[in-house]
PDB file of N, CA and C in Angstrom:
ATOM      1  N   MET A   1       2.208  26.392   5.309  1.00  0.00           N
ATOM      2  CA  MET A   1       3.210  25.715   6.438  1.00  0.00           C
ATOM      3  C   MET A   1       4.250  26.068   5.389  1.00  0.00           C
ATOM      4  N   ASN A   2       4.965  27.438   4.710  1.00  0.00           N
ATOM      5  CA  ASN A   2       6.208  27.526   3.988  1.00  0.00           C
ATOM      6  C   ASN A   2       7.217  27.817   5.126  1.00  0.00           C
ATOM      7  N   LYS A   3       7.254  28.472   6.111  1.00  0.00           N
ATOM      8  CA  LYS A   3       7.695  28.828   7.191  1.00  0.00           C
ATOM      9  C   LYS A   3       9.032  27.484   7.027  1.00  0.00           C
ATOM     10  N   LYS A   4      10.882  28.363   6.762  1.00  0.00           N
ATOM     11  CA  LYS A   4      12.035  27.482   7.182  1.00  0.00           C
ATOM     12  C   LYS A   4      12.841  27.936   8.482  1.00  0.00           C
ATOM     13  N   HIS A   5      13.118  26.361   9.190  1.00  0.00           N
ATOM     14  CA  HIS A   5      13.690  26.394  10.534  1.00  0.00           C
ATOM     15  C   HIS A   5      15.043  26.398  10.094  1.00  0.00           C
ATOM     16  N   ILE A   6      15.904  26.411  10.790  1.00  0.00           N
ATOM     17  CA  ILE A   6      17.544  25.609  11.219  1.00  0.00           C
ATOM     18  C   ILE A   6      17.314  24.618  11.528  1.00  0.00           C
ATOM     19  N   CYS A   7      17.577  23.390  11.190  1.00  0.00           N
ATOM     20  CA  CYS A   7      17.983  22.091  11.761  1.00  0.00           C
ATOM     21  C   CYS A   7      18.744  22.433  12.916  1.00  0.00           C
ATOM     22  N   ALA A   8      18.287  21.759  13.480  1.00  0.00           N
ATOM     23  CA  ALA A   8      18.959  21.184  15.075  1.00  0.00           C
ATOM     24  C   ALA A   8      20.219  20.772  14.599  1.00  0.00           C
ATOM     25  N   SER A   9      20.026  18.992  14.362  1.00  0.00           N
ATOM     26  CA  SER A   9      21.081  18.771  14.199  1.00  0.00           C
ATOM     27  C   SER A   9      21.489  17.991  13.314  1.00  0.00           C
ATOM     28  N   CYS A  10      21.368  18.874  11.982  1.00  0.00           N
ATOM     29  CA  CYS A  10      23.252  18.939  11.083  1.00  0.00           C
ATOM     30  C   CYS A  10      22.403  20.442  10.150  1.00  0.00           C
ATOM     31  N   GLY A  11      22.046  21.216  10.717  1.00  0.00           N
ATOM     32  CA  GLY A  11      22.279  22.808  10.142  1.00  0.00           C
ATOM     33  C   GLY A  11      21.202  22.884   9.455  1.00  0.00           C
ATOM     34  N   GLY A  12      21.034  22.174   8.133  1.00  0.00           N
ATOM     35  CA  GLY A  12      19.660  22.720   6.898  1.00  0.00           C
ATOM     36  C   GLY A  12      18.757  23.585   7.418  1.00  0.00           C
ATOM     37  N   ARG A  13      18.273  23.321   5.978  1.00  0.00           N
ATOM     38  CA  ARG A  13      16.794  23.841   6.823  1.00  0.00           C
ATOM     39  C   ARG A  13      15.767  23.484   6.471  1.00  0.00           C
ATOM     40  N   SER A  14      15.091  23.313   7.903  1.00  0.00           N
ATOM     41  CA  SER A  14      13.352  22.137   7.930  1.00  0.00           C
ATOM     42  C   SER A  14      12.380  22.962   7.756  1.00  0.00           C
ATOM     43  N   ILE A  15      11.882  22.311   6.824  1.00  0.00           N
ATOM     44  CA  ILE A  15      10.046  22.795   6.751  1.00  0.00           C
ATOM     45  C   ILE A  15       9.356  22.560   7.430  1.00  0.00           C
ATOM     46  N   SER A  16       7.770  23.552   7.906  1.00  0.00           N
ATOM     47  CA  SER A  16       6.623  23.433   8.188  1.00  0.00           C
ATOM     48  C   SER A  16       5.834  22.080   6.695  1.00  0.00           C
ATOM     49  N   LYS A  17       5.635  21.153   8.436  1.00  0.00           N
ATOM     50  CA  LYS A  17       4.614  20.439   7.368  1.00  0.00           C
ATOM     51  C   LYS A  17       3.930  19.036   7.935  1.00  0.00           C
ATOM     52  N   ARG A  18       2.902  18.980   7.590  1.00  0.00           N
ATOM     53  CA  ARG A  18       1.605  17.947   8.483  1.00  0.00           C
ATOM     54  C   ARG A  18       2.408  16.656   8.638  1.00  0.00           C
ATOM     55  N   ILE A  19       2.751  15.992   9.585  1.00  0.00           N
ATOM     56  CA  ILE A  19       2.418  14.417   9.799  1.00  0.00           C
ATOM     57  C   ILE A  19       1.858  13.096  10.046  1.00  0.00           C
ATOM     58  N   SER A  20       1.652  12.200   9.773  1.00  0.00           N
ATOM     59  CA  SER A  20       1.346  11.169  11.204  1.00  0.00           C
ATOM     60  C   SER A  20       2.354  10.965  12.303  1.00  0.00           C
ATOM     61  N   PHE A  21       2.333  10.818  13.319  1.00  0.00           N
ATOM     62  CA  PHE A  21       3.028  10.410  14.634  1.00  0.00           C
ATOM     63  C   PHE A  21       3.067   9.249  15.417  1.00  0.00           C
ATOM     64  N   GLU A  22       3.879   7.901  15.355  1.00  0.00           N
ATOM     65  CA  GLU A  22       2.980   7.341  15.939  1.00  0.00           C
ATOM     66  C   GLU A  22       3.945   7.669  17.249  1.00  0.00           C
ATOM     67  N   GLN A  23       2.689   6.736  18.631  1.00  0.00           N
ATOM     68  CA  GLN A  23       3.586   6.082  19.694  1.00  0.00           C
ATOM     69  C   GLN A  23       2.971   5.244  19.687  1.00  0.00           C
ATOM     70  N   ARG A  24       3.341   4.942  21.434  1.00  0.00           N
ATOM     71  CA  ARG A  24       3.519   3.435  22.125  1.00  0.00           C
ATOM     72  C   ARG A  24       2.788   4.118  23.347  1.00  0.00           C
ATOM     73  N   TRP A  25       1.213   4.118  23.766  1.00  0.00           N
ATOM     74  CA  TRP A  25       0.016   4.260  25.144  1.00  0.00           C
ATOM     75  C   TRP A  25       0.119   3.190  26.274  1.00  0.00           C
ATOM     76  N   GLY A  26       0.830   3.064  26.217  1.00  0.00           N
ATOM     77  CA  GLY A  26       0.989   1.624  27.437  1.00  0.00           C
ATOM     78  C   GLY A  26       1.106   0.580  26.407  1.00  0.00           C
ATOM     79  N   GLU A  27      -0.029  -0.432  26.284  1.00  0.00           N
ATOM     80  CA  GLU A  27       0.563  -1.177  25.478  1.00  0.00           C
ATOM     81  C   GLU A  27      -0.362  -1.833  23.853  1.00  0.00           C
ATOM     82  N   GLN A  28      -0.953  -0.384  23.227  1.00  0.00           N
ATOM     83  CA  GLN A  28      -1.250   0.086  22.195  1.00  0.00           C
ATOM     84  C   GLN A  28      -0.348   1.005  21.804  1.00  0.00           C
ATOM     85  N   LEU A  29      -0.671   0.505  20.195  1.00  0.00           N
ATOM     86  CA  LEU A  29       0.461   1.745  19.151  1.00  0.00           C
ATOM     87  C   LEU A  29      -0.570   3.143  19.140  1.00  0.00           C
ATOM     88  N   VAL A  30      -0.768   3.651  19.387  1.00  0.00           N
ATOM     89  CA  VAL A  30      -1.529   5.358  18.692  1.00  0.00           C
ATOM     90  C   VAL A  30      -1.210   5.276  17.774  1.00  0.00           C
ATOM     91  N   VAL A  31      -2.087   6.621  16.491  1.00  0.00           N
ATOM     92  CA  VAL A  31      -1.713   7.466  14.945  1.00  0.00           C
ATOM     93  C   VAL A  31      -2.389   8.455  15.683  1.00  0.00           C
ATOM     94  N   PHE A  32      -1.581   9.372  15.274  1.00  0.00           N
ATOM     95  CA  PHE A  32      -1.764  10.799  15.412  1.00  0.00           C
ATOM     96  C   PHE A  32      -2.252  11.417  13.444  1.00  0.00           C
ATOM     97  N   GLU A  33      -3.080  12.059  13.038  1.00  0.00           N
ATOM     98  CA  GLU A  33      -2.569  12.680  11.824  1.00  0.00           C
ATOM     99  C   GLU A  33      -2.334  14.388  12.379  1.00  0.00           C
ATOM    100  N   ASP A  34      -2.091  14.348  11.227  1.00  0.00           N
ATOM    101  CA  ASP A  34      -2.336  15.725  10.690  1.00  0.00           C
ATOM    102  C   ASP A  34      -1.479  16.418  11.813  1.00  0.00           C
ATOM    103  N   VAL A  35      -0.792  15.890  11.937  1.00  0.00           N
ATOM    104  CA  VAL A  35       0.579  16.548  13.885  1.00  0.00           C
ATOM    105  C   VAL A  35       1.120  17.349  12.504  1.00  0.00           C
ATOM    106  N   PRO A  36       1.604  19.419  13.508  1.00  0.00           N
ATOM    107  CA  PRO A  36       2.108  20.117  12.554  1.00  0.00           C
ATOM    108  C   PRO A  36       3.728  19.643  13.272  1.00  0.00           C
ATOM    109  N   ALA A  37       4.115  20.149  12.457  1.00  0.00           N
ATOM    110  CA  ALA A  37       5.510  19.292  12.712  1.00  0.00           C
ATOM    111  C   ALA A  37       7.170  19.921  11.121  1.00  0.00           C
ATOM    112  N   HIS A  38       8.271  20.409  11.948  1.00  0.00           N
ATOM    113  CA  HIS A  38       9.358  20.853  11.077  1.00  0.00           C
ATOM    114  C   HIS A  38      10.348  19.507  11.072  1.00  0.00           C
ATOM    115  N   GLU A  39       9.882  19.127   9.377  1.00  0.00           N
ATOM    116  CA  GLU A  39      10.804  18.076   8.940  1.00  0.00           C
ATOM    117  C   GLU A  39      11.805  18.491   7.966  1.00  0.00           C
ATOM    118  N   CYS A  40      13.266  18.513   7.751  1.00  0.00           N
ATOM    119  CA  CYS A  40      14.536  18.245   8.158  1.00  0.00           C
ATOM    120  C   CYS A  40      14.422  17.341   6.370  1.00  0.00           C
ATOM    121  N   PRO A  41      14.302  18.065   5.372  1.00  0.00           N
ATOM    122  CA  PRO A  41      14.236  17.115   4.177  1.00  0.00           C
ATOM    123  C   PRO A  41      16.038  16.834   3.959  1.00  0.00           C
ATOM    124  N   GLN A  42      16.872  16.997   4.448  1.00  0.00           N
ATOM    125  CA  GLN A  42      18.567  16.162   4.388  1.00  0.00           C
ATOM    126  C   GLN A  42      18.960  15.538   5.260  1.00  0.00           C
ATOM    127  N   CYS A  43      18.059  15.916   6.435  1.00  0.00           N
ATOM    128  CA  CYS A  43      18.787  14.230   7.815  1.00  0.00           C
ATOM    129  C   CYS A  43      17.410  13.768   7.961  1.00  0.00           C
ATOM    130  N   GLY A  44      16.468  14.421   7.673  1.00  0.00           N
ATOM    131  CA  GLY A  44      14.921  13.764   8.357  1.00  0.00           C
ATOM    132  C   GLY A  44      15.141  13.380   9.335  1.00  0.00           C
ATOM    133  N   SER A  45      15.630  14.413   9.999  1.00  0.00           N
ATOM    134  CA  SER A  45      15.236  14.398  11.430  1.00  0.00           C
ATOM    135  C   SER A  45      13.331  15.962  11.296  1.00  0.00           C
ATOM    136  N   VAL A  46      12.832  14.762  12.664  1.00  0.00           N
ATOM    137  CA  VAL A  46      11.284  15.455  12.808  1.00  0.00           C
ATOM    138  C   VAL A  46      11.079  16.042  14.369  1.00  0.00           C
ATOM    139  N   TRP A  47      10.346  17.744  14.571  1.00  0.00           N
ATOM    140  CA  TRP A  47      10.531  18.229  15.617  1.00  0.00           C
ATOM    141  C   TRP A  47       8.733  18.480  16.039  1.00  0.00           C
ATOM    142  N   ILE A  48       8.755  18.467  16.273  1.00  0.00           N
ATOM    143  CA  ILE A  48       6.656  18.398  16.802  1.00  0.00           C
ATOM    144  C   ILE A  48       6.930  19.874  18.623  1.00  0.00           C
ATOM    145  N   ALA A  49       6.017  20.325  17.694  1.00  0.00           N
ATOM    146  CA  ALA A  49       5.433  21.082  18.402  1.00  0.00           C
ATOM    147  C   ALA A  49       5.048  21.643  20.747  1.00  0.00           C
ATOM    148  N   SER A  50       5.566  21.815  21.435  1.00  0.00           N
ATOM    149  CA  SER A  50       5.486  21.054  22.718  1.00  0.00           C
ATOM    150  C   SER A  50       3.861  21.262  22.497  1.00  0.00           C
ATOM    151  N   LYS A  51       3.418  22.270  22.489  1.00  0.00           N
ATOM    152  CA  LYS A  51       1.486  22.844  22.523  1.00  0.00           C
ATOM    153  C   LYS A  51       1.630  21.330  21.538  1.00  0.00           C
ATOM    154  N   ALA A  52       1.472  20.596  20.035  1.00  0.00           N
ATOM    155  CA  ALA A  52       0.530  19.800  19.715  1.00  0.00           C
ATOM    156  C   ALA A  52       1.543  18.094  20.546  1.00  0.00           C
ATOM    157  N   LEU A  53       2.402  18.708  21.471  1.00  0.00           N
ATOM    158  CA  LEU A  53       2.460  17.019  22.024  1.00  0.00           C
ATOM    159  C   LEU A  53       1.214  16.750  22.943  1.00  0.00           C
ATOM    160  N   ARG A  54       1.643  18.233  23.781  1.00  0.00           N
ATOM    161  CA  ARG A  54       0.604  18.459  24.907  1.00  0.00           C
ATOM    162  C   ARG A  54      -0.663  18.043  24.073  1.00  0.00           C
ATOM    163  N   SER A  55      -1.288  18.165  23.431  1.00  0.00           N
ATOM    164  CA  SER A  55      -2.573  18.108  22.861  1.00  0.00           C
ATOM    165  C   SER A  55      -2.845  16.617  22.946  1.00  0.00           C
ATOM    166  N   MET A  56      -1.812  16.069  22.070  1.00  0.00           N
ATOM    167  CA  MET A  56      -2.095  14.571  21.893  1.00  0.00           C
ATOM    168  C   MET A  56      -2.057  13.765  23.419  1.00  0.00           C
ATOM    169  N   ASP A  57      -1.118  14.042  24.592  1.00  0.00           N
ATOM    170  CA  ASP A  57      -1.557  14.091  25.983  1.00  0.00           C
ATOM    171  C   ASP A  57      -2.588  13.634  26.418  1.00  0.00           C
ATOM    172  N   LYS A  58      -3.272  14.909  26.282  1.00  0.00           N
ATOM    173  CA  LYS A  58      -4.539  15.460  26.911  1.00  0.00           C
ATOM    174  C   LYS A  58      -5.710  14.321  26.106  1.00  0.00           C
ATOM    175  N   ALA A  59      -5.875  14.040  24.925  1.00  0.00           N
ATOM    176  CA  ALA A  59      -6.845  13.230  23.990  1.00  0.00           C
ATOM    177  C   ALA A  59      -6.268  12.139  24.590  1.00  0.00           C
ATOM    178  N   LEU A  60      -4.877  11.144  25.117  1.00  0.00           N
ATOM    179  CA  LEU A  60      -4.592   9.658  25.169  1.00  0.00           C
ATOM    180  C   LEU A  60      -5.555   9.708  27.275  1.00  0.00           C
ATOM    181  N   GLN A  61      -5.376  11.494  27.806  1.00  0.00           N
ATOM    182  CA  GLN A  61      -5.192  11.048  29.533  1.00  0.00           C
ATOM    183  C   GLN A  61      -6.588  10.785  29.454  1.00  0.00           C
ATOM    184  N   ASN A  62      -7.639  12.039  29.322  1.00  0.00           N
ATOM    185  CA  ASN A  62      -8.512  11.881  28.928  1.00  0.00           C
ATOM    186  C   ASN A  62      -9.741  10.480  28.126  1.00  0.00           C
ATOM    187  N   GLY A  63      -9.141  10.487  26.942  1.00  0.00           N
ATOM    188  CA  GLY A  63      -9.959   9.317  26.268  1.00  0.00           C
ATOM    189  C   GLY A  63     -10.757   9.395  25.623  1.00  0.00           C
ATOM    190  N   GLU A  64     -10.297   9.949  24.791  1.00  0.00           N
ATOM    191  CA  GLU A  64     -10.719  11.467  23.611  1.00  0.00           C
ATOM    192  C   GLU A  64     -10.745   9.844  22.736  1.00  0.00           C
ATOM    193  N   LYS A  65     -12.569   9.823  22.152  1.00  0.00           N
ATOM    194  CA  LYS A  65     -12.956   8.737  20.485  1.00  0.00           C
ATOM    195  C   LYS A  65     -12.047   9.497  19.706  1.00  0.00           C
ATOM    196  N   PRO A  66     -10.817   8.238  19.458  1.00  0.00           N
ATOM    197  CA  PRO A  66     -10.078   8.227  17.934  1.00  0.00           C
ATOM    198  C   PRO A  66     -11.186   8.618  17.068  1.00  0.00           C
ATOM    199  N   THR A  67     -10.794   9.539  15.516  1.00  0.00           N
ATOM    200  CA  THR A  67     -11.156   9.910  14.827  1.00  0.00           C
ATOM    201  C   THR A  67     -11.467   7.825  13.558  1.00  0.00           C
ATOM    202  N   HIS A  68     -10.327   7.544  14.209  1.00  0.00           N
ATOM    203  CA  HIS A  68     -10.843   6.247  13.104  1.00  0.00           C
ATOM    204  C   HIS A  68      -9.973   5.341  13.560  1.00  0.00           C
ATOM    205  N   LYS A  69     -10.246   4.010  13.209  1.00  0.00           N
ATOM    206  CA  LYS A  69      -9.298   3.108  13.580  1.00  0.00           C
ATOM    207  C   LYS A  69      -8.533   1.875  13.046  1.00  0.00           C
ATOM    208  N   MET A  70      -7.567   1.457  12.575  1.00  0.00           N
ATOM    209  CA  MET A  70      -6.754   0.643  11.121  1.00  0.00           C
ATOM    210  C   MET A  70      -6.310  -0.439  12.760  1.00  0.00           C
ATOM    211  N   THR A  71      -6.113  -1.766  11.384  1.00  0.00           N
ATOM    212  CA  THR A  71      -5.742  -2.527  11.878  1.00  0.00           C
ATOM    213  C   THR A  71      -3.767  -2.194  11.243  1.00  0.00           C
ATOM    214  N   VAL A  72      -3.155  -3.063  11.989  1.00  0.00           N
ATOM    215  CA  VAL A  72      -1.698  -3.500  11.730  1.00  0.00           C
ATOM    216  C   VAL A  72      -0.900  -4.603  11.486  1.00  0.00           C
ATOM    217  N   PRO A  73      -0.828  -5.061  10.935  1.00  0.00           N
ATOM    218  CA  PRO A  73      -0.186  -6.235  10.569  1.00  0.00           C
ATOM    219  C   PRO A  73       1.032  -6.715  11.898  1.00  0.00           C
ATOM    220  N   VAL A  74       1.562  -7.149  12.948  1.00  0.00           N
ATOM    221  CA  VAL A  74       2.230  -7.129  13.113  1.00  0.00           C
ATOM    222  C   VAL A  74       3.433  -8.850  13.073  1.00  0.00           C
ATOM    223  N   TRP A  75       4.752  -9.044  13.273  1.00  0.00           N
ATOM    224  CA  TRP A  75       5.045 -10.468  12.931  1.00  0.00           C
ATOM    225  C   TRP A  75       6.038 -10.453  14.001  1.00  0.00           C
ATOM    226  N   SER A  76       6.700 -11.846  14.265  1.00  0.00           N
ATOM    227  CA  SER A  76       7.235 -12.272  15.098  1.00  0.00           C
ATOM    228  C   SER A  76       9.060 -13.040  15.218  1.00  0.00           C
ATOM    229  N   LEU A  77       9.703 -12.324  14.842  1.00  0.00           N
ATOM    230  CA  LEU A  77      10.874 -12.276  13.812  1.00  0.00           C
ATOM    231  C   LEU A  77      11.491 -14.088  14.923  1.00  0.00           C
ATOM    232  N   SER A  78      10.891 -13.990  16.224  1.00  0.00           N
ATOM    233  CA  SER A  78      11.693 -15.231  16.794  1.00  0.00           C
ATOM    234  C   SER A  78      10.876 -16.849  15.868  1.00  0.00           C
ATOM    235  N   ARG A  79       9.676 -16.367  15.351  1.00  0.00           N
ATOM    236  CA  ARG A  79       8.800 -16.936  14.767  1.00  0.00           C
ATOM    237  C   ARG A  79       8.494 -17.618  13.195  1.00  0.00           C
ATOM    238  N   LEU A  80       8.858 -16.535  13.054  1.00  0.00           N
ATOM    239  CA  LEU A  80       9.698 -16.253  11.402  1.00  0.00           C
ATOM    240  C   LEU A  80      11.012 -17.483  10.792  1.00  0.00           C
ATOM    241  N   LYS A  81      10.275 -18.690  10.130  1.00  0.00           N
ATOM    242  CA  LYS A  81      11.913 -19.180   9.510  1.00  0.00           C
ATOM    243  C   LYS A  81      12.989 -18.731   9.208  1.00  0.00           C
ATOM    244  N   ALA A  82      13.880 -19.356   9.679  1.00  0.00           N
ATOM    245  CA  ALA A  82      14.837 -18.712   8.429  1.00  0.00           C
ATOM    246  C   ALA A  82      15.400 -17.964   6.520  1.00  0.00           C
ATOM    247  N   ALA A  83      15.311 -17.786   5.732  1.00  0.00           N
ATOM    248  CA  ALA A  83      15.727 -17.582   4.667  1.00  0.00           C
ATOM    249  C   ALA A  83      17.200 -18.747   4.219  1.00  0.00           C
TER     250      ALA A  83
END
């Protein structure tokens, strides 16, 4: 995946790579791994192809079983004591 593209945000050269993509689905936080994307090393912008986005939406809508699950810690700033 070495094909380079022009970044629409800054004009830099974005590169093709595989990323992890986090998204809210209702009340859940879901993570997709190994997502094909273009990332600009200059400004950090990331683009995911519409085909990949449709595949992720379809997996969620069809209730496909995830590859694995992870635990995510959550902090509430309103409950933390000010330092």
